[in-house]
Amino acid sequence: MDDREFRLNLKIEVSELDLWVEQGWLAPHMREGRRRFGDADLARARLILDLTHGMGVNEVGVDLIMDLIDQLHGMRATMRQLVTAINRQDVEIQRRLLGSLGELDDIGRF
């Protein structure tokens, strides 16, 4: 969706959208020199709207929250890759790896 459709969906002004993009909270794709937003951008924008308008979180707080969310998504992607790599291994290697993970869990309890 383009800027106008995106803003209408969220009921926000151009200046607010521009701020969110400048802060790096949203990273729209550029097509033919125009910003284009997808479903993930819309979900992020709704979260930003809830944080800023609904909860009164300031820019520094939104910056921190969005950074933590991005880190979490990155870690989830890494975990999916790790699970895929483990599943490609021989059964004995899988058992050893899972055993090692169990040992780490035991260490973490102390």
C-alpha atoms as a PDB file:
ATOM      1  CA  MET A   1       0.000   0.000   0.000  1.00  0.00           C
ATOM      2  CA  ASP A   2       1.145   3.556  -0.604  1.00  0.00           C
ATOM      3  CA  ASP A   3       1.605   6.366   1.951  1.00  0.00           C
ATOM      4  CA  ARG A   4      -1.946   7.642   1.665  1.00  0.00           C
ATOM      5  CA  GLU A   5      -3.625   4.264   2.058  1.00  0.00           C
ATOM      6  CA  PHE A   6      -1.277   3.399   4.930  1.00  0.00           C
ATOM      7  CA  ARG A   7      -1.999   6.666   6.764  1.00  0.00           C
ATOM      8  CA  LEU A   8      -5.738   6.385   6.224  1.00  0.00           C
ATOM      9  CA  ASN A   9      -5.691   2.866   7.620  1.00  0.00           C
ATOM     10  CA  LEU A  10      -3.954   4.113  10.770  1.00  0.00           C
ATOM     11  CA  LYS A  11      -5.608   7.552  10.899  1.00  0.00           C
ATOM     12  CA  ILE A  12      -2.274   9.368  11.236  1.00  0.00           C
ATOM     13  CA  GLU A  13      -0.798  12.488   9.647  1.00  0.00           C
ATOM     14  CA  VAL A  14       2.067  12.605   7.144  1.00  0.00           C
ATOM     15  CA  SER A  15       4.368  14.173   9.734  1.00  0.00           C
ATOM     16  CA  GLU A  16       3.846  11.270  12.134  1.00  0.00           C
ATOM     17  CA  LEU A  17       4.543   8.680   9.433  1.00  0.00           C
ATOM     18  CA  ASP A  18       7.625  10.610   8.329  1.00  0.00           C
ATOM     19  CA  LEU A  19       8.902  10.613  11.918  1.00  0.00           C
ATOM     20  CA  TRP A  20       8.430   6.861  12.261  1.00  0.00           C
ATOM     21  CA  VAL A  21      10.357   6.252   9.042  1.00  0.00           C
ATOM     22  CA  GLU A  22      13.108   8.723  10.027  1.00  0.00           C
ATOM     23  CA  GLN A  23      13.466   7.017  13.420  1.00  0.00           C
ATOM     24  CA  GLY A  24      13.862   3.673  11.645  1.00  0.00           C
ATOM     25  CA  TRP A  25      10.786   2.193  13.309  1.00  0.00           C
ATOM     26  CA  LEU A  26       9.360   1.502   9.857  1.00  0.00           C
ATOM     27  CA  ALA A  27      11.408   0.611   6.783  1.00  0.00           C
ATOM     28  CA  PRO A  28       9.107   0.727   3.763  1.00  0.00           C
ATOM     29  CA  HIS A  29      10.211  -0.594   0.406  1.00  0.00           C
ATOM     30  CA  MET A  30      10.779   1.930  -2.344  1.00  0.00           C
ATOM     31  CA  ARG A  31       9.120   1.373  -5.696  1.00  0.00           C
ATOM     32  CA  GLU A  32       9.222   3.916  -8.480  1.00  0.00           C
ATOM     33  CA  GLY A  33      10.479   6.513  -6.005  1.00  0.00           C
ATOM     34  CA  ARG A  34       7.557   6.005  -3.632  1.00  0.00           C
ATOM     35  CA  ARG A  35       7.279   4.330  -0.278  1.00  0.00           C
ATOM     36  CA  ARG A  36       5.358   1.068  -0.222  1.00  0.00           C
ATOM     37  CA  PHE A  37       4.157  -0.602   2.963  1.00  0.00           C
ATOM     38  CA  GLY A  38       3.255  -4.226   3.574  1.00  0.00           C
ATOM     39  CA  ASP A  39       1.341  -6.134   6.218  1.00  0.00           C
ATOM     40  CA  ALA A  40       4.371  -6.355   8.522  1.00  0.00           C
ATOM     41  CA  ASP A  41       4.754  -2.564   8.329  1.00  0.00           C
ATOM     42  CA  LEU A  42       1.093  -2.172   9.231  1.00  0.00           C
ATOM     43  CA  ALA A  43       1.469  -4.451  12.254  1.00  0.00           C
ATOM     44  CA  ARG A  44       4.552  -2.526  13.412  1.00  0.00           C
ATOM     45  CA  ALA A  45       2.768   0.783  12.881  1.00  0.00           C
ATOM     46  CA  ARG A  46      -0.207  -0.370  14.952  1.00  0.00           C
ATOM     47  CA  LEU A  47       2.181  -1.302  17.739  1.00  0.00           C
ATOM     48  CA  ILE A  48       3.900   2.089  17.488  1.00  0.00           C
ATOM     49  CA  LEU A  49       0.501   3.781  17.565  1.00  0.00           C
ATOM     50  CA  ASP A  50      -0.487   1.798  20.671  1.00  0.00           C
ATOM     51  CA  LEU A  51       2.806   2.642  22.356  1.00  0.00           C
ATOM     52  CA  THR A  52       2.770   6.358  21.563  1.00  0.00           C
ATOM     53  CA  HIS A  53      -0.923   7.187  21.736  1.00  0.00           C
ATOM     54  CA  GLY A  54      -2.381   4.458  23.909  1.00  0.00           C
ATOM     55  CA  MET A  55       0.386   4.026  26.462  1.00  0.00           C
ATOM     56  CA  GLY A  56       2.156   7.372  26.263  1.00  0.00           C
ATOM     57  CA  VAL A  57       5.589   5.887  25.551  1.00  0.00           C
ATOM     58  CA  ASN A  58       8.091   8.553  24.437  1.00  0.00           C
ATOM     59  CA  GLU A  59      10.405   8.315  21.407  1.00  0.00           C
ATOM     60  CA  VAL A  60      13.314   6.877  23.408  1.00  0.00           C
ATOM     61  CA  GLY A  61      11.027   4.186  24.813  1.00  0.00           C
ATOM     62  CA  VAL A  62       9.602   3.310  21.396  1.00  0.00           C
ATOM     63  CA  ASP A  63      13.137   3.157  20.012  1.00  0.00           C
ATOM     64  CA  LEU A  64      14.146   0.681  22.715  1.00  0.00           C
ATOM     65  CA  ILE A  65      11.006  -1.435  22.364  1.00  0.00           C
ATOM     66  CA  MET A  66      11.268  -1.647  18.573  1.00  0.00           C
ATOM     67  CA  ASP A  67      14.959  -2.572  18.848  1.00  0.00           C
ATOM     68  CA  LEU A  68      14.149  -5.361  21.312  1.00  0.00           C
ATOM     69  CA  ILE A  69      11.381  -6.659  19.049  1.00  0.00           C
ATOM     70  CA  ASP A  70      13.766  -6.698  16.091  1.00  0.00           C
ATOM     71  CA  GLN A  71      16.358  -8.569  18.171  1.00  0.00           C
ATOM     72  CA  LEU A  72      13.732 -11.108  19.237  1.00  0.00           C
ATOM     73  CA  HIS A  73      12.696 -11.713  15.624  1.00  0.00           C
ATOM     74  CA  GLY A  74      16.350 -12.138  14.661  1.00  0.00           C
ATOM     75  CA  MET A  75      16.907 -14.680  17.429  1.00  0.00           C
ATOM     76  CA  ARG A  76      13.799 -16.616  16.389  1.00  0.00           C
ATOM     77  CA  ALA A  77      15.104 -16.806  12.821  1.00  0.00           C
ATOM     78  CA  THR A  78      18.473 -18.021  14.093  1.00  0.00           C
ATOM     79  CA  MET A  79      16.759 -20.661  16.237  1.00  0.00           C
ATOM     80  CA  ARG A  80      14.782 -21.913  13.217  1.00  0.00           C
ATOM     81  CA  GLN A  81      18.027 -22.231  11.266  1.00  0.00           C
ATOM     82  CA  LEU A  82      19.675 -24.059  14.162  1.00  0.00           C
ATOM     83  CA  VAL A  83      16.791 -26.528  14.483  1.00  0.00           C
ATOM     84  CA  THR A  84      16.883 -27.154  10.725  1.00  0.00           C
ATOM     85  CA  ALA A  85      20.640 -27.776  10.873  1.00  0.00           C
ATOM     86  CA  ILE A  86      20.268 -30.178  13.809  1.00  0.00           C
ATOM     87  CA  ASN A  87      17.458 -32.061  12.059  1.00  0.00           C
ATOM     88  CA  ARG A  88      19.748 -32.633   9.066  1.00  0.00           C
ATOM     89  CA  GLN A  89      22.317 -34.403  11.236  1.00  0.00           C
ATOM     90  CA  ASP A  90      22.684 -38.096  11.905  1.00  0.00           C
ATOM     91  CA  VAL A  91      20.485 -39.403  14.745  1.00  0.00           C
ATOM     92  CA  GLU A  92      23.484 -40.010  17.013  1.00  0.00           C
ATOM     93  CA  ILE A  93      24.706 -36.436  16.540  1.00  0.00           C
ATOM     94  CA  GLN A  94      21.198 -35.173  17.284  1.00  0.00           C
ATOM     95  CA  ARG A  95      21.155 -37.166  20.541  1.00  0.00           C
ATOM     96  CA  ARG A  96      24.555 -35.798  21.571  1.00  0.00           C
ATOM     97  CA  LEU A  97      23.518 -32.235  20.814  1.00  0.00           C
ATOM     98  CA  LEU A  98      20.253 -32.586  22.713  1.00  0.00           C
ATOM     99  CA  GLY A  99      22.154 -34.193  25.611  1.00  0.00           C
ATOM    100  CA  SER A 100      24.516 -31.234  25.666  1.00  0.00           C
ATOM    101  CA  LEU A 101      21.575 -28.860  25.743  1.00  0.00           C
ATOM    102  CA  GLY A 102      20.184 -30.762  28.724  1.00  0.00           C
ATOM    103  CA  GLU A 103      23.525 -30.388  30.503  1.00  0.00           C
ATOM    104  CA  LEU A 104      23.465 -26.644  29.855  1.00  0.00           C
ATOM    105  CA  ASP A 105      19.969 -26.450  31.300  1.00  0.00           C
ATOM    106  CA  ASP A 106      21.176 -28.220  34.463  1.00  0.00           C
ATOM    107  CA  ILE A 107      24.068 -25.739  34.808  1.00  0.00           C
ATOM    108  CA  GLY A 108      21.681 -22.789  34.392  1.00  0.00           C
ATOM    109  CA  ARG A 109      19.703 -23.824  37.464  1.00  0.00           C
ATOM    110  CA  PHE A 110      22.541 -23.029  39.874  1.00  0.00           C
END
